[in-house]
Amino acid sequence: MPAITRTDGERQPAHVVNPQRWNELDASGTPQPHPIDAALAALHHVAMHG
């Protein structure tokens, strides 16, 4: 469960993500992008910056 605090201390989000990854692997074993990755990035941005 990642929990982080902004340097000014005003925001302290925490979130839990199932440890099972949802990304499919390509032929070389590299995880491919998934819409959940973008959603988590957007959540992090809103949580930290409003």
PDB file of N, CA and C in Angstrom:
ATOM      1  N   MET A   1       0.846  -1.163   0.000  1.00  0.00           N
ATOM      2  CA  MET A   1       0.000   0.000   0.000  1.00  0.00           C
ATOM      3  C   MET A   1       0.896   1.231   0.000  1.00  0.00           C
ATOM      4  N   PRO A   2       1.007   1.901  -1.130  1.00  0.00           N
ATOM      5  CA  PRO A   2       1.812   3.115  -1.158  1.00  0.00           C
ATOM      6  C   PRO A   2       1.152   4.240  -0.370  1.00  0.00           C
ATOM      7  N   ALA A   3       1.922   4.899   0.436  1.00  0.00           N
ATOM      8  CA  ALA A   3       1.468   6.096   1.134  1.00  0.00           C
ATOM      9  C   ALA A   3       2.574   7.133   0.977  1.00  0.00           C
ATOM     10  N   ILE A   4       2.217   8.300   0.514  1.00  0.00           N
ATOM     11  CA  ILE A   4       3.211   9.337   0.287  1.00  0.00           C
ATOM     12  C   ILE A   4       2.720  10.656   0.872  1.00  0.00           C
ATOM     13  N   THR A   5       3.656  11.527   1.162  1.00  0.00           N
ATOM     14  CA  THR A   5       3.322  12.841   1.688  1.00  0.00           C
ATOM     15  C   THR A   5       3.986  13.895   0.825  1.00  0.00           C
ATOM     16  N   ARG A   6       3.228  14.907   0.470  1.00  0.00           N
ATOM     17  CA  ARG A   6       3.788  16.019  -0.276  1.00  0.00           C
ATOM     18  C   ARG A   6       4.781  16.749   0.616  1.00  0.00           C
ATOM     19  N   THR A   7       5.779  17.391   0.029  1.00  0.00           N
ATOM     20  CA  THR A   7       6.818  18.049   0.820  1.00  0.00           C
ATOM     21  C   THR A   7       6.260  19.126   1.733  1.00  0.00           C
ATOM     22  N   ASP A   8       5.142  19.758   1.348  1.00  0.00           N
ATOM     23  CA  ASP A   8       4.552  20.782   2.221  1.00  0.00           C
ATOM     24  C   ASP A   8       3.657  20.165   3.299  1.00  0.00           C
ATOM     25  N   GLY A   9       3.478  18.833   3.262  1.00  0.00           N
ATOM     26  CA  GLY A   9       2.687  18.132   4.263  1.00  0.00           C
ATOM     27  C   GLY A   9       1.185  18.276   4.126  1.00  0.00           C
ATOM     28  N   GLU A  10       0.698  18.963   3.091  1.00  0.00           N
ATOM     29  CA  GLU A  10      -0.733  19.208   2.963  1.00  0.00           C
ATOM     30  C   GLU A  10      -1.525  18.024   2.424  1.00  0.00           C
ATOM     31  N   ARG A  11      -0.899  17.148   1.671  1.00  0.00           N
ATOM     32  CA  ARG A  11      -1.612  16.002   1.104  1.00  0.00           C
ATOM     33  C   ARG A  11      -0.847  14.731   1.429  1.00  0.00           C
ATOM     34  N   GLN A  12      -1.601  13.715   1.853  1.00  0.00           N
ATOM     35  CA  GLN A  12      -1.010  12.438   2.227  1.00  0.00           C
ATOM     36  C   GLN A  12      -1.880  11.296   1.721  1.00  0.00           C
ATOM     37  N   PRO A  13      -1.855  11.027   0.409  1.00  0.00           N
ATOM     38  CA  PRO A  13      -2.698   9.948  -0.108  1.00  0.00           C
ATOM     39  C   PRO A  13      -2.093   8.564   0.155  1.00  0.00           C
ATOM     40  N   ALA A  14      -2.975   7.598   0.241  1.00  0.00           N
ATOM     41  CA  ALA A  14      -2.577   6.187   0.321  1.00  0.00           C
ATOM     42  C   ALA A  14      -3.569   5.406  -0.536  1.00  0.00           C
ATOM     43  N   HIS A  15      -3.087   4.396  -1.227  1.00  0.00           N
ATOM     44  CA  HIS A  15      -3.990   3.553  -2.005  1.00  0.00           C
ATOM     45  C   HIS A  15      -3.485   2.126  -2.001  1.00  0.00           C
ATOM     46  N   VAL A  16      -4.418   1.216  -2.201  1.00  0.00           N
ATOM     47  CA  VAL A  16      -4.104  -0.207  -2.216  1.00  0.00           C
ATOM     48  C   VAL A  16      -4.409  -0.730  -3.612  1.00  0.00           C
ATOM     49  N   VAL A  17      -3.472  -1.496  -4.165  1.00  0.00           N
ATOM     50  CA  VAL A  17      -3.650  -2.094  -5.482  1.00  0.00           C
ATOM     51  C   VAL A  17      -3.370  -3.586  -5.356  1.00  0.00           C
ATOM     52  N   ASN A  18      -4.214  -4.378  -5.969  1.00  0.00           N
ATOM     53  CA  ASN A  18      -3.994  -5.817  -5.988  1.00  0.00           C
ATOM     54  C   ASN A  18      -2.604  -6.081  -6.576  1.00  0.00           C
ATOM     55  N   PRO A  19      -1.779  -6.854  -5.896  1.00  0.00           N
ATOM     56  CA  PRO A  19      -0.414  -7.082  -6.389  1.00  0.00           C
ATOM     57  C   PRO A  19      -0.346  -7.870  -7.701  1.00  0.00           C
ATOM     58  N   GLN A  20      -1.430  -8.509  -8.090  1.00  0.00           N
ATOM     59  CA  GLN A  20      -1.448  -9.213  -9.372  1.00  0.00           C
ATOM     60  C   GLN A  20      -1.519  -8.188 -10.488  1.00  0.00           C
ATOM     61  N   ARG A  21      -0.521  -8.146 -11.329  1.00  0.00           N
ATOM     62  CA  ARG A  21      -0.486  -7.164 -12.412  1.00  0.00           C
ATOM     63  C   ARG A  21      -1.490  -7.540 -13.494  1.00  0.00           C
ATOM     64  N   TRP A  22      -1.998  -6.559 -14.156  1.00  0.00           N
ATOM     65  CA  TRP A  22      -3.014  -6.711 -15.194  1.00  0.00           C
ATOM     66  C   TRP A  22      -2.423  -6.583 -16.582  1.00  0.00           C
ATOM     67  N   ASN A  23      -1.146  -6.226 -16.675  1.00  0.00           N
ATOM     68  CA  ASN A  23      -0.516  -6.015 -17.977  1.00  0.00           C
ATOM     69  C   ASN A  23      -0.238  -7.334 -18.673  1.00  0.00           C
ATOM     70  N   GLU A  24      -0.532  -7.370 -19.959  1.00  0.00           N
ATOM     71  CA  GLU A  24      -0.141  -8.508 -20.796  1.00  0.00           C
ATOM     72  C   GLU A  24       1.327  -8.330 -21.160  1.00  0.00           C
ATOM     73  N   LEU A  25       2.019  -9.433 -21.377  1.00  0.00           N
ATOM     74  CA  LEU A  25       3.424  -9.377 -21.770  1.00  0.00           C
ATOM     75  C   LEU A  25       3.548  -9.555 -23.278  1.00  0.00           C
ATOM     76  N   ASP A  26       4.501  -8.831 -23.872  1.00  0.00           N
ATOM     77  CA  ASP A  26       4.749  -9.046 -25.298  1.00  0.00           C
ATOM     78  C   ASP A  26       5.681 -10.242 -25.465  1.00  0.00           C
ATOM     79  N   ALA A  27       6.107 -10.515 -26.689  1.00  0.00           N
ATOM     80  CA  ALA A  27       6.936 -11.698 -26.982  1.00  0.00           C
ATOM     81  C   ALA A  27       8.253 -11.695 -26.208  1.00  0.00           C
ATOM     82  N   SER A  28       8.762 -10.498 -25.869  1.00  0.00           N
ATOM     83  CA  SER A  28      10.035 -10.429 -25.136  1.00  0.00           C
ATOM     84  C   SER A  28       9.826 -10.399 -23.620  1.00  0.00           C
ATOM     85  N   GLY A  29       8.563 -10.480 -23.167  1.00  0.00           N
ATOM     86  CA  GLY A  29       8.282 -10.486 -21.738  1.00  0.00           C
ATOM     87  C   GLY A  29       8.116  -9.099 -21.132  1.00  0.00           C
ATOM     88  N   THR A  30       8.029  -8.073 -21.969  1.00  0.00           N
ATOM     89  CA  THR A  30       7.857  -6.706 -21.493  1.00  0.00           C
ATOM     90  C   THR A  30       6.376  -6.413 -21.264  1.00  0.00           C
ATOM     91  N   PRO A  31       6.005  -5.913 -20.067  1.00  0.00           N
ATOM     92  CA  PRO A  31       4.603  -5.580 -19.826  1.00  0.00           C
ATOM     93  C   PRO A  31       4.126  -4.488 -20.778  1.00  0.00           C
ATOM     94  N   GLN A  32       2.934  -4.686 -21.320  1.00  0.00           N
ATOM     95  CA  GLN A  32       2.354  -3.701 -22.237  1.00  0.00           C
ATOM     96  C   GLN A  32       1.420  -2.762 -21.473  1.00  0.00           C
ATOM     97  N   PRO A  33       1.291  -1.518 -21.928  1.00  0.00           N
ATOM     98  CA  PRO A  33       0.432  -0.558 -21.225  1.00  0.00           C
ATOM     99  C   PRO A  33      -1.005  -1.067 -21.106  1.00  0.00           C
ATOM    100  N   HIS A  34      -1.647  -0.670 -20.024  1.00  0.00           N
ATOM    101  CA  HIS A  34      -3.040  -1.034 -19.764  1.00  0.00           C
ATOM    102  C   HIS A  34      -3.755   0.228 -19.293  1.00  0.00           C
ATOM    103  N   PRO A  35      -5.046   0.391 -19.593  1.00  0.00           N
ATOM    104  CA  PRO A  35      -5.776   1.585 -19.155  1.00  0.00           C
ATOM    105  C   PRO A  35      -5.707   1.842 -17.641  1.00  0.00           C
ATOM    106  N   ILE A  36      -5.573   0.790 -16.847  1.00  0.00           N
ATOM    107  CA  ILE A  36      -5.485   0.974 -15.396  1.00  0.00           C
ATOM    108  C   ILE A  36      -4.240   1.776 -15.034  1.00  0.00           C
ATOM    109  N   ASP A  37      -3.149   1.593 -15.769  1.00  0.00           N
ATOM    110  CA  ASP A  37      -1.925   2.343 -15.492  1.00  0.00           C
ATOM    111  C   ASP A  37      -2.170   3.843 -15.613  1.00  0.00           C
ATOM    112  N   ALA A  38      -2.878   4.261 -16.650  1.00  0.00           N
ATOM    113  CA  ALA A  38      -3.187   5.678 -16.841  1.00  0.00           C
ATOM    114  C   ALA A  38      -4.142   6.171 -15.756  1.00  0.00           C
ATOM    115  N   ALA A  39      -5.097   5.340 -15.371  1.00  0.00           N
ATOM    116  CA  ALA A  39      -6.038   5.725 -14.319  1.00  0.00           C
ATOM    117  C   ALA A  39      -5.327   5.915 -12.989  1.00  0.00           C
ATOM    118  N   LEU A  40      -4.384   5.035 -12.663  1.00  0.00           N
ATOM    119  CA  LEU A  40      -3.626   5.182 -11.418  1.00  0.00           C
ATOM    120  C   LEU A  40      -2.748   6.433 -11.449  1.00  0.00           C
ATOM    121  N   ALA A  41      -2.169   6.726 -12.606  1.00  0.00           N
ATOM    122  CA  ALA A  41      -1.360   7.944 -12.734  1.00  0.00           C
ATOM    123  C   ALA A  41      -2.229   9.185 -12.543  1.00  0.00           C
ATOM    124  N   ALA A  42      -3.436   9.169 -13.095  1.00  0.00           N
ATOM    125  CA  ALA A  42      -4.357  10.299 -12.934  1.00  0.00           C
ATOM    126  C   ALA A  42      -4.782  10.437 -11.472  1.00  0.00           C
ATOM    127  N   LEU A  43      -5.063   9.327 -10.812  1.00  0.00           N
ATOM    128  CA  LEU A  43      -5.414   9.354  -9.393  1.00  0.00           C
ATOM    129  C   LEU A  43      -4.293   9.969  -8.574  1.00  0.00           C
ATOM    130  N   HIS A  44      -3.080   9.541  -8.842  1.00  0.00           N
ATOM    131  CA  HIS A  44      -1.920  10.077  -8.113  1.00  0.00           C
ATOM    132  C   HIS A  44      -1.804  11.584  -8.340  1.00  0.00           C
ATOM    133  N   HIS A  45      -1.987  12.020  -9.553  1.00  0.00           N
ATOM    134  CA  HIS A  45      -1.874  13.451  -9.867  1.00  0.00           C
ATOM    135  C   HIS A  45      -2.929  14.261  -9.107  1.00  0.00           C
ATOM    136  N   VAL A  46      -4.172  13.796  -9.140  1.00  0.00           N
ATOM    137  CA  VAL A  46      -5.253  14.514  -8.446  1.00  0.00           C
ATOM    138  C   VAL A  46      -5.016  14.500  -6.929  1.00  0.00           C
ATOM    139  N   ALA A  47      -4.594  13.353  -6.416  1.00  0.00           N
ATOM    140  CA  ALA A  47      -4.370  13.246  -4.975  1.00  0.00           C
ATOM    141  C   ALA A  47      -3.267  14.194  -4.489  1.00  0.00           C
ATOM    142  N   MET A  48      -2.248  14.360  -5.314  1.00  0.00           N
ATOM    143  CA  MET A  48      -1.119  15.183  -4.889  1.00  0.00           C
ATOM    144  C   MET A  48      -1.249  16.655  -5.264  1.00  0.00           C
ATOM    145  N   HIS A  49      -1.992  16.936  -6.317  1.00  0.00           N
ATOM    146  CA  HIS A  49      -2.035  18.312  -6.825  1.00  0.00           C
ATOM    147  C   HIS A  49      -3.428  18.931  -6.828  1.00  0.00           C
ATOM    148  N   GLY A  50      -4.435  18.137  -6.533  1.00  0.00           N
ATOM    149  CA  GLY A  50      -5.795  18.673  -6.479  1.00  0.00           C
ATOM    150  C   GLY A  50      -6.487  18.725  -7.810  1.00  0.00           C
TER     151      GLY A  50
END
